[in-house]
Protein backbone atom coordinates (compact mmCIF):
# COMPACT_ATOMS: atom_id res chain seq x y z
CA MET A 1 -38.60 30.94 52.22
CA SER A 2 -39.28 33.78 53.80
CA MET A 3 -35.79 35.42 54.64
CA ALA A 4 -32.90 36.70 52.07
CA VAL A 5 -29.36 37.87 52.65
CA VAL A 6 -27.63 39.38 49.98
CA LYS A 7 -23.91 40.59 49.28
CA THR A 8 -22.89 44.62 48.25
CA PHE A 9 -20.95 47.07 49.52
CA ALA A 10 -20.88 50.36 51.24
CA GLY A 11 -19.18 53.63 50.43
CA GLN A 12 -16.02 54.89 53.02
CA GLY A 13 -13.12 56.94 51.62
CA LEU A 14 -11.61 54.85 48.91
CA SER A 15 -12.56 51.49 50.64
CA ALA A 16 -16.05 49.57 50.45
CA PRO A 17 -17.07 47.80 53.56
CA GLU A 18 -18.87 44.48 52.60
CA ILE A 19 -22.17 45.21 53.75
CA SER A 20 -24.76 42.18 54.30
CA VAL A 21 -28.55 43.52 53.27
CA GLU A 22 -30.86 40.99 55.39
CA VAL A 23 -34.45 41.00 53.92
CA HIS A 24 -37.21 39.66 56.12
CA LEU A 25 -40.99 38.69 54.90
CA ALA A 26 -43.50 38.02 58.15
CA ASN A 27 -46.99 38.15 58.01
CA GLY A 28 -49.24 41.41 59.49
CA LEU A 29 -50.82 44.68 58.08
CA PRO A 30 -48.52 45.28 55.13
CA ALA A 31 -45.03 47.74 56.08
CA PHE A 32 -41.47 47.81 54.67
CA GLN A 33 -39.08 49.19 57.52
CA LEU A 34 -35.13 50.11 56.72
CA VAL A 35 -33.00 49.65 59.46
CA GLY A 36 -29.26 50.16 59.76
CA MET A 37 -28.01 53.67 60.05
CA ALA A 38 -28.94 54.17 57.02
CA GLU A 39 -29.51 57.96 55.87
CA THR A 40 -32.80 59.65 54.15
CA SER A 41 -31.42 58.75 50.44
CA VAL A 42 -31.40 54.79 51.70
CA LYS A 43 -34.71 55.26 52.54
CA GLU A 44 -36.45 56.53 49.98
CA ALA A 45 -35.13 53.14 48.43
CA ARG A 46 -38.58 51.78 49.86
CA GLU A 47 -40.70 53.27 47.32
CA ARG A 48 -38.38 53.20 44.32
CA VAL A 49 -38.42 49.00 44.82
CA ARG A 50 -41.71 49.30 44.94
CA SER A 51 -42.38 50.75 41.62
CA ALA A 52 -39.36 48.75 40.24
CA LEU A 53 -40.91 45.44 40.92
CA ILE A 54 -44.39 46.26 40.30
CA ASN A 55 -43.14 48.19 36.87
CA SER A 56 -41.12 45.01 36.43
CA GLY A 57 -44.29 42.35 36.29
CA PHE A 58 -43.86 41.24 39.63
CA ASP A 59 -46.21 41.18 42.32
CA PHE A 60 -44.65 43.00 45.50
CA PRO A 61 -45.26 41.12 49.23
CA ALA A 62 -48.45 42.05 51.13
CA LYS A 63 -46.61 41.55 53.84
CA ARG A 64 -43.97 43.14 56.42
CA ILE A 65 -40.86 43.54 55.21
CA THR A 66 -37.70 44.22 57.36
CA VAL A 67 -34.78 45.07 55.39
CA ASN A 68 -31.87 45.47 57.28
CA LEU A 69 -27.95 46.16 56.53
CA ALA A 70 -25.50 45.00 58.13
CA PRO A 71 -23.10 46.12 60.25
CA ALA A 72 -25.21 48.57 61.94
CA ASP A 73 -22.08 51.31 63.05
CA ILE A 74 -21.07 51.86 59.04
CA PRO A 75 -23.13 54.80 57.48
CA LYS A 76 -25.25 54.38 54.66
CA PHE A 77 -25.52 56.98 51.89
CA GLY A 78 -26.79 57.06 48.32
CA GLY A 79 -29.34 54.88 46.44
CA ARG A 80 -26.84 52.15 45.62
CA PHE A 81 -28.11 50.10 47.94
CA ASP A 82 -32.11 49.59 45.73
CA LEU A 83 -30.95 46.53 43.81
CA PRO A 84 -29.33 44.45 46.52
CA ILE A 85 -32.45 45.21 48.29
CA ALA A 86 -34.89 44.22 45.52
CA MET A 87 -32.93 40.91 44.17
CA GLY A 88 -33.06 40.07 48.72
CA ILE A 89 -36.83 40.93 48.40
CA LEU A 90 -37.56 38.61 45.04
CA VAL A 91 -35.51 35.73 46.71
CA ALA A 92 -37.72 36.18 50.47
CA ALA A 93 -40.64 36.19 48.17
CA GLY A 94 -40.01 32.70 46.32
CA TYR A 95 -39.34 34.35 43.21
CA LEU A 96 -35.70 33.04 42.67
CA PRO A 97 -33.66 30.23 45.33
CA ASP A 98 -31.75 31.54 47.96
CA THR A 99 -29.04 29.61 46.05
CA SER A 100 -28.57 32.03 43.51
CA LEU A 101 -27.36 34.72 45.98
CA LEU A 102 -24.28 32.85 46.53
CA ASN A 103 -21.17 34.16 45.39
CA ILE A 104 -22.29 37.16 43.98
CA ALA A 105 -22.54 40.95 44.83
CA PHE A 106 -24.39 43.77 43.80
CA VAL A 107 -24.87 47.24 43.79
CA GLY A 108 -27.10 49.96 41.68
CA GLU A 109 -29.95 52.05 42.43
CA LEU A 110 -33.15 51.66 40.47
CA ALA A 111 -35.07 53.41 38.59
CA LEU A 112 -39.22 53.59 39.21
CA ASN A 113 -39.44 51.72 35.50
CA GLY A 114 -36.82 49.08 37.12
CA ASP A 115 -34.35 50.47 35.27
CA ILE A 116 -30.77 50.77 37.15
CA LYS A 117 -29.15 53.90 37.34
CA PRO A 118 -25.61 54.66 37.39
CA VAL A 119 -23.87 55.09 41.22
CA GLY A 120 -21.34 57.34 41.77
CA GLY A 121 -18.47 55.90 43.52
CA LEU A 122 -18.15 52.77 42.05
CA ILE A 123 -14.58 51.54 41.57
CA PRO A 124 -13.45 51.41 45.07
CA VAL A 125 -16.35 48.84 45.65
CA VAL A 126 -15.50 46.53 42.23
CA ILE A 127 -12.06 46.52 43.56
CA ALA A 128 -13.28 45.20 46.72
CA ALA A 129 -15.15 42.82 44.77
CA ALA A 130 -12.11 41.71 42.72
CA ASN A 131 -10.22 41.30 46.54
CA GLU A 132 -12.99 39.22 47.46
CA ASP A 133 -12.94 36.96 44.40
CA ILE A 134 -16.22 37.80 43.60
CA PRO A 135 -18.55 38.61 40.63
CA LEU A 136 -20.35 41.98 40.59
CA ILE A 137 -23.82 42.76 39.04
CA TYR A 138 -23.38 47.09 38.74
CA PRO A 139 -25.45 49.17 36.29
CA GLY A 140 -24.81 48.97 32.65
CA ASP A 141 -23.93 53.02 32.02
CA ASN A 142 -20.74 52.72 35.35
CA ASP A 143 -19.22 49.85 32.77
CA ILE A 144 -16.14 51.91 31.12
CA GLU A 145 -15.72 53.19 34.34
CA ALA A 146 -15.69 49.38 36.00
CA ALA A 147 -13.61 48.26 33.26
CA LEU A 148 -10.72 50.16 34.68
CA VAL A 149 -10.31 47.91 37.24
CA SER A 150 -8.59 45.04 34.70
CA HIS A 151 -8.65 42.03 37.08
CA ALA A 152 -12.37 42.08 37.93
CA ALA A 153 -15.40 40.03 37.09
CA ARG A 154 -18.32 42.15 36.28
CA LEU A 155 -21.64 41.28 34.60
CA PRO A 156 -22.90 45.03 33.86
CA ALA A 157 -27.34 45.13 33.78
CA PHE A 158 -29.37 47.79 32.18
CA ASP A 159 -32.63 46.76 34.22
CA LEU A 160 -33.90 44.69 37.28
CA LEU A 161 -35.45 42.08 35.11
CA SER A 162 -32.25 40.91 32.85
CA VAL A 163 -30.75 40.28 36.62
CA PHE A 164 -33.87 38.12 37.58
CA GLU A 165 -33.61 36.36 34.09
CA HIS A 166 -29.51 36.02 35.04
CA LEU A 167 -30.27 34.76 38.41
CA SER A 168 -33.33 32.19 37.41
CA GLY A 169 -30.04 31.24 34.52
CA HIS A 170 -33.31 32.17 31.24
CA LYS A 171 -30.06 34.29 29.78
CA LYS A 172 -27.12 35.21 31.54
CA LEU A 173 -25.22 38.67 31.49
CA SER A 174 -21.82 39.45 29.66
CA SER A 175 -19.83 40.43 30.98
CA GLY A 176 -17.65 44.00 30.98
CA GLN A 177 -16.57 45.54 28.42
CA PRO A 178 -12.49 45.03 27.97
CA PHE A 179 -10.24 48.07 28.90
CA THR A 180 -6.73 47.84 27.97
CA PRO A 181 -4.93 51.09 29.64
CA THR A 182 -2.21 53.12 27.25
CA SER A 183 0.16 55.54 28.24
CA THR A 184 0.79 57.69 25.68
CA CYS A 185 1.91 60.96 26.47
CA ASN A 186 1.22 64.53 25.64
CA SER A 187 3.96 65.48 22.63
CA ASP A 188 2.32 68.53 20.82
CA VAL A 189 3.82 70.44 24.00
CA GLY A 190 7.04 72.27 23.46
CA TRP A 191 10.21 73.00 25.23
CA ASP A 192 12.03 74.91 22.97
CA ASP A 193 9.96 77.16 23.03
CA ILE A 194 9.95 78.88 26.52
CA ILE A 195 13.66 81.71 25.90
CA GLY A 196 15.28 81.67 28.60
CA GLN A 197 14.90 81.41 32.06
CA GLU A 198 17.77 78.71 32.16
CA GLN A 199 17.92 78.40 35.55
CA ALA A 200 14.17 77.62 36.19
CA LYS A 201 14.04 75.10 33.48
CA ARG A 202 16.51 73.56 35.19
CA ALA A 203 14.78 73.39 38.79
CA LEU A 204 11.67 72.20 36.83
CA ILE A 205 13.93 68.60 35.72
CA ILE A 206 15.02 67.97 39.11
CA ALA A 207 11.89 68.84 40.68
CA ALA A 208 10.37 66.58 37.30
CA CYS A 209 12.88 63.60 38.92
CA GLY A 210 13.26 63.49 42.19
CA ALA A 211 9.17 64.48 42.53
CA HIS A 212 10.69 68.05 44.80
CA ASN A 213 7.93 70.72 45.72
CA LEU A 214 8.56 74.06 43.82
CA LEU A 215 7.89 77.00 44.20
CA MET A 216 8.41 80.10 41.29
CA VAL A 217 9.24 83.60 42.17
CA GLY A 218 8.92 86.66 39.53
CA PRO A 219 7.56 89.08 38.06
CA PRO A 220 4.49 89.29 36.43
CA GLY A 221 4.54 88.05 32.61
CA THR A 222 8.29 85.96 33.22
CA GLY A 223 6.45 82.88 31.79
CA LYS A 224 6.00 81.22 35.74
CA SER A 225 2.46 79.72 34.32
CA LEU A 226 4.28 78.80 31.07
CA LEU A 227 7.25 76.38 33.29
CA ALA A 228 4.38 74.71 35.06
CA SER A 229 1.73 73.91 32.21
CA ARG A 230 5.17 71.70 30.96
CA MET A 231 5.88 69.92 34.08
CA LEU A 232 2.77 67.17 33.61
CA ALA A 233 4.70 66.70 30.28
CA LEU A 234 8.13 65.60 31.69
CA LEU A 235 6.96 62.95 34.49
CA PRO A 236 6.12 59.53 33.66
CA PRO A 237 2.82 58.06 33.36
CA LEU A 238 1.45 56.63 35.77
CA THR A 239 1.45 52.71 37.17
CA GLU A 240 -2.12 50.74 37.00
CA GLU A 241 -1.72 50.39 40.98
CA GLU A 242 -0.63 54.25 40.58
CA ALA A 243 -3.78 55.12 37.95
CA LEU A 244 -6.03 53.09 39.93
CA GLU A 245 -5.93 54.86 43.11
CA VAL A 246 -6.09 57.88 41.24
CA ALA A 247 -9.74 56.33 39.58
CA SER A 248 -10.64 55.58 42.70
CA VAL A 249 -10.38 59.85 43.89
CA TYR A 250 -12.20 60.21 40.98
CA SER A 251 -15.03 57.66 41.28
CA VAL A 252 -15.67 58.80 44.78
CA LYS A 253 -15.77 62.52 43.46
CA GLY A 254 -18.10 61.87 41.38
CA GLU A 255 -15.63 63.52 38.28
CA THR A 256 -15.65 61.73 34.91
CA LEU A 257 -12.86 60.57 34.58
CA ASN A 258 -11.48 59.84 30.69
CA ALA A 259 -10.58 56.41 30.62
CA GLU A 260 -7.97 56.87 27.54
CA LYS A 261 -6.38 59.07 29.95
CA PHE A 262 -6.35 56.10 32.68
CA MET A 263 -2.16 56.01 32.98
CA HIS A 264 -1.80 60.06 32.76
CA ARG A 265 -0.87 61.93 35.55
CA HIS A 266 -3.42 64.90 36.25
CA LEU A 267 -2.52 68.79 37.05
CA ARG A 268 -4.89 70.49 39.55
CA SER A 269 -4.92 74.07 39.15
CA PRO A 270 -7.75 75.92 42.06
CA HIS A 271 -8.52 79.28 41.97
CA HIS A 272 -6.59 81.16 44.42
CA THR A 273 -10.54 82.17 46.13
CA SER A 274 -10.37 78.48 46.93
CA SER A 275 -11.57 77.69 50.94
CA ALA A 276 -9.51 75.14 53.39
CA ILE A 277 -12.37 72.70 52.44
CA ALA A 278 -12.15 73.22 48.77
CA LEU A 279 -8.46 71.72 48.94
CA THR A 280 -8.93 68.84 51.84
CA GLY A 281 -12.41 68.11 50.50
CA GLY A 282 -14.94 67.72 53.21
CA GLY A 283 -18.96 67.96 53.35
CA SER A 284 -21.36 66.29 55.03
CA ASN A 285 -20.20 62.84 54.21
CA PRO A 286 -17.20 63.42 52.90
CA VAL A 287 -15.49 63.91 49.69
CA PRO A 288 -12.21 64.28 48.07
CA GLY A 289 -10.83 68.20 47.74
CA GLU A 290 -7.96 68.95 44.99
CA ILE A 291 -5.02 67.58 47.20
CA SER A 292 -6.68 64.58 46.66
CA LEU A 293 -7.66 65.01 42.96
CA ALA A 294 -4.02 66.17 42.21
CA HIS A 295 -2.82 62.56 43.92
CA ASN A 296 -0.15 61.06 42.08
CA GLY A 297 0.32 64.06 39.51
CA ILE A 298 0.44 68.06 40.44
CA LEU A 299 -1.25 70.47 42.27
CA PHE A 300 -0.10 73.62 40.62
CA LEU A 301 -1.72 77.52 42.80
CA ASP A 302 -0.48 79.98 40.74
CA GLU A 303 -0.77 83.31 43.21
CA LEU A 304 0.29 81.55 46.22
CA PRO A 305 0.19 84.60 48.56
CA GLU A 306 -3.39 85.52 47.59
CA PHE A 307 -4.62 81.97 48.87
CA GLY A 308 -5.99 82.66 52.26
CA ARG A 309 -3.78 81.58 55.76
CA LYS A 310 -5.99 79.10 56.92
CA ALA A 311 -6.43 77.45 53.57
CA LEU A 312 -2.20 77.03 52.52
CA ASP A 313 -1.60 75.46 56.00
CA VAL A 314 -3.93 73.03 55.80
CA LEU A 315 -1.45 71.45 53.27
CA ARG A 316 1.50 71.15 55.53
CA GLU A 317 0.25 67.67 56.37
CA PRO A 318 -0.54 66.13 53.20
CA LEU A 319 2.82 67.63 52.44
CA GLU A 320 3.96 65.43 54.88
CA THR A 321 2.10 62.36 54.81
CA GLY A 322 0.69 61.80 51.72
CA ASP A 323 -3.05 61.33 52.81
CA VAL A 324 -5.85 63.67 54.65
CA HIS A 325 -8.17 62.50 57.52
CA ILE A 326 -11.18 64.23 57.17
CA SER A 327 -13.40 64.43 60.03
CA ARG A 328 -17.24 65.04 60.27
CA ALA A 329 -20.57 64.52 62.60
CA SER A 330 -21.80 61.97 60.39
CA GLY A 331 -18.26 60.04 59.46
CA SER A 332 -15.13 59.95 58.94
CA ALA A 333 -12.89 59.45 55.81
CA THR A 334 -9.20 59.19 54.75
CA TYR A 335 -8.06 59.97 51.72
CA PRO A 336 -4.61 59.75 49.49
CA ALA A 337 -3.51 63.08 48.61
CA ASN A 338 1.00 62.12 47.45
CA PHE A 339 0.73 65.05 45.07
CA GLN A 340 3.49 66.85 43.47
CA LEU A 341 3.07 70.95 45.02
CA ILE A 342 4.16 73.28 42.24
CA ALA A 343 3.72 77.27 42.87
CA ALA A 344 4.29 80.36 41.36
CA MET A 345 3.78 84.26 42.99
CA ASN A 346 4.71 87.38 42.33
CA PRO A 347 7.77 88.43 45.07
CA SER A 348 5.42 91.69 45.54
CA PRO A 349 1.40 92.90 45.63
CA THR A 350 2.41 95.19 42.72
CA GLY A 351 4.03 92.30 40.56
CA ASP A 352 7.69 93.75 41.02
CA ILE A 353 9.62 94.26 44.14
CA ASP A 354 11.89 97.31 41.51
CA ASP A 355 9.01 99.14 40.50
CA ASN A 356 8.71 101.82 43.43
CA ARG A 357 5.46 101.81 44.37
CA LEU A 358 5.63 99.87 48.02
CA SER A 359 7.94 100.34 50.76
CA PRO A 360 10.19 97.29 51.67
CA GLN A 361 7.92 96.47 55.28
CA GLN A 362 4.61 96.43 52.93
CA GLN A 363 6.40 93.94 50.24
CA LEU A 364 7.90 92.14 53.06
CA ASN A 365 3.54 91.81 55.00
CA TYR A 366 2.36 90.32 51.37
CA LEU A 367 5.94 87.61 51.86
CA ASN A 368 4.85 86.92 55.54
CA ARG A 369 1.34 86.01 54.46
CA LEU A 370 3.25 82.32 53.47
CA SER A 371 4.12 81.13 57.03
CA GLY A 372 7.45 79.00 57.31
CA PRO A 373 6.60 75.45 58.04
CA LEU A 374 4.91 75.64 54.61
CA LEU A 375 7.96 77.58 53.12
CA ASP A 376 10.27 74.63 54.78
CA ARG A 377 7.66 71.86 52.80
CA ILE A 378 9.19 73.27 49.68
CA ASP A 379 12.53 71.68 48.40
CA ILE A 380 12.68 73.91 45.72
CA GLN A 381 12.61 78.07 45.04
CA VAL A 382 13.80 79.65 42.35
CA GLU A 383 13.78 83.25 40.52
CA VAL A 384 11.92 83.55 37.18
CA PRO A 385 13.67 86.94 36.70
CA ARG A 386 12.16 89.45 34.13
CA LEU A 387 14.29 88.81 30.48
CA PRO A 388 16.54 91.78 29.19
CA ASP A 389 15.44 90.92 25.32
CA TYR A 390 11.91 90.94 23.68
CA ASP A 391 12.51 87.82 21.45
CA LEU A 392 10.01 85.75 19.79
CA PRO A 393 10.16 81.69 20.29
CA ILE A 394 11.08 80.07 16.96
CA ALA A 395 9.33 77.58 16.09
CA LYS A 396 10.59 74.03 15.29
CA PRO A 397 8.52 70.71 14.92
CA SER A 398 7.25 68.49 17.43
CA SER A 399 10.19 65.63 16.56
CA ASP A 400 12.82 68.36 16.87
CA ASP A 401 12.16 69.96 20.48
CA SER A 402 14.55 68.85 23.16
CA MET A 403 11.00 68.12 24.97
CA HIS A 404 11.68 64.24 24.04
CA ARG A 405 15.36 64.46 25.53
CA VAL A 406 14.11 65.83 28.83
CA ARG A 407 11.12 63.35 29.73
CA GLN A 408 13.69 60.76 28.81
CA GLU A 409 16.29 62.06 31.03
CA VAL A 410 13.79 62.60 33.66
CA ALA A 411 12.47 59.02 33.02
CA ASP A 412 15.28 57.69 33.19
CA THR A 413 16.46 59.49 36.35
CA ARG A 414 13.15 58.56 38.06
CA HIS A 415 14.40 54.44 37.28
CA ILE A 416 17.39 54.82 38.80
CA GLN A 417 15.97 55.94 41.95
CA LEU A 418 12.90 53.24 41.79
CA MET A 419 15.73 50.70 41.26
CA ARG A 420 17.96 51.57 44.64
CA GLN A 421 15.23 52.68 47.02
CA GLY A 422 11.94 52.32 45.38
CA LYS A 423 10.51 55.99 45.85
CA PRO A 424 11.57 59.38 44.36
CA ASN A 425 14.17 61.07 46.64
CA ALA A 426 11.28 63.44 47.71
CA ALA A 427 9.56 60.45 49.71
CA LEU A 428 13.15 59.63 51.84
CA SER A 429 12.80 59.55 55.46
CA ALA A 430 15.26 61.20 57.71
CA GLY A 431 16.78 57.83 58.40
CA GLU A 432 17.60 57.09 55.02
CA LEU A 433 19.20 59.63 53.77
CA SER A 434 22.61 59.16 55.05
CA ALA A 435 23.12 55.86 53.92
CA ILE A 436 21.76 56.64 50.41
CA CYS A 437 23.03 60.19 49.88
CA LYS A 438 27.14 58.61 50.82
CA VAL A 439 28.46 62.46 51.53
CA ASN A 440 31.77 62.18 52.62
CA GLU A 441 33.01 63.70 55.66
CA GLY A 442 34.33 67.12 54.02
CA ASP A 443 31.38 67.86 52.35
CA LEU A 444 28.98 66.96 54.68
CA ARG A 445 30.80 69.64 57.13
CA PHE A 446 30.55 72.15 54.16
CA LEU A 447 26.64 71.71 53.72
CA LYS A 448 26.16 71.89 57.94
CA ALA A 449 28.09 75.11 57.61
CA ALA A 450 26.51 76.26 54.83
CA ALA A 451 23.06 76.12 56.49
CA LYS A 452 23.79 77.38 60.11
CA GLN A 453 25.00 80.10 58.00
CA LEU A 454 21.72 80.26 56.52
CA ASN A 455 19.82 79.40 59.50
CA LEU A 456 17.99 76.36 57.92
CA SER A 457 15.66 74.22 59.66
CA MET A 458 16.08 70.50 60.21
CA ARG A 459 13.41 69.94 57.96
CA VAL A 460 14.81 71.86 54.80
CA PHE A 461 18.79 71.03 55.85
CA HIS A 462 17.34 67.55 55.19
CA ARG A 463 15.29 68.44 52.15
CA THR A 464 18.23 70.46 50.42
CA LEU A 465 20.50 67.11 50.82
CA LYS A 466 17.90 65.05 48.98
CA VAL A 467 18.15 67.94 46.11
CA ALA A 468 21.41 67.01 46.34
CA ARG A 469 20.64 63.49 45.16
CA THR A 470 18.55 64.18 42.63
CA ILE A 471 21.12 66.31 41.28
CA ALA A 472 23.71 63.65 41.48
CA ASP A 473 21.29 60.88 39.96
CA LEU A 474 20.60 63.31 37.41
CA HIS A 475 24.50 63.22 36.69
CA ARG A 476 25.14 59.66 37.42
CA GLU A 477 27.20 60.08 39.93
CA GLU A 478 27.22 57.25 42.67
CA ALA A 479 28.17 59.72 45.53
CA VAL A 480 26.89 63.29 46.86
CA ASN A 481 29.18 65.46 46.36
CA ARG A 482 30.00 69.45 46.94
CA VAL A 483 28.72 70.60 43.27
CA HIS A 484 25.60 69.43 43.89
CA ILE A 485 24.69 70.65 47.30
CA SER A 486 26.51 73.96 45.89
CA GLU A 487 23.70 74.13 43.11
CA ALA A 488 20.62 72.66 45.68
CA LEU A 489 21.70 74.99 48.24
CA GLY A 490 20.98 78.41 45.53
CA TYR A 491 17.53 76.67 45.43
CA ARG A 492 16.25 79.04 48.32
CA ALA A 493 15.32 82.23 46.26
CA LEU A 494 12.31 83.47 48.58
CA ASP A 495 14.48 82.92 51.61
CA ASN A 496 16.84 85.41 50.38
CA LEU A 497 14.72 87.74 49.19
CA ILE A 498 13.43 87.53 52.72
CA LYS A 499 16.37 88.12 54.03
CA GLN A 500 16.84 91.12 51.54
CA LEU A 501 14.16 93.06 52.36
CA SER A 502 14.45 92.39 56.23
CA SER A 503 17.56 94.26 56.32
CA CYS A 504 16.08 97.09 54.54
């Protein structure tokens, strides 16, 4: 038969659309034509496939070869189409029956000697193949990564000849290695070694319980970064579905994901010189940025006002929608970006507003680098003041540290929210607040009067109510009352500082 159709998958954001590799061998002058919106790296498959077939012991057909990657309106890039093209040529040339390509998919880049080299963005491909309930032949060096998709039928291969022997029935490929995810959490970090800062620690617990965004404001050396480093240990482990989403993002980005930490949340801490594109993602073929790599985890921005205004303002939409859409000339992609923002900053460019080195107006100009709409999206703002005493932490055995109790408290509070509404309180929509928060008429009037007095935006009003709901859950109370609302209103440290400087 001079015609063959091979199934494979392209890469388009976190999706992997199915691609049919159509190979046709015709009489005429020897030629190799590849069509179907393929970029340069795909068109170079001509030479890789030719050399791989010859070095694997096959005769390369001296015919006019046409390869079509359909559908033609999906951009194709990378070397992942080498293996399907080679298998299509072998079937079209008569080395294999056309029935050998039924209900099976291929992906992999070929070396000139016929070895199958690893490819990036494999996890979305494995998920797509599993959803279609077909086995996938892929590079053996990608097996640890592919094993994260436990429900897929996986056939890792290391060279072209072994794939040929599998399809011809001479020697079957072994199934991919099994993987059992673990949910162990890091018990090395402590909680009691953080001296003082009880209000900040309380705010950190509330933020962890309800997945609220948090901003810590204080002079240098007061423990803001130390507190942020403990946040990851407070959060419950990922579910397998959430972990697969994160693994897919890392796979598309091309970053190595430690399989032993498959169920662990990630903390990304980009430097304040990072650009807007570094945060959101981009490039000629759009790849994920820091906010997507922090998906289902934490994005920690230290020295928040030192980031560029443009870089910070691109966070506004992902903080609301939980994803980011990137459009470029070569195509577009949508990546998940459901992260928890933890930020830290000094109240003044000199470090402290009480050092008398700048005027109130100069300090206010520094704080005004943060736009109002961005600050509205931060649920909790807490002051981390300088401590009056210079105490050293007392060393404790890890088994005696209260981190274990706090982590369990956070897990129990999250469980209450998941049982009640299926998501953390921070993800509640405005329409769900009245039914879930259960505020009586008098306490609601108190909140409205306070919001009017403090000149809160409607977004902050809703977020304050969500924080109050989390505090009530932390206290295991069914309804939100005035005590919870008062505490939630108290977490507006930066707003208060700006008003204080504005009145000077």
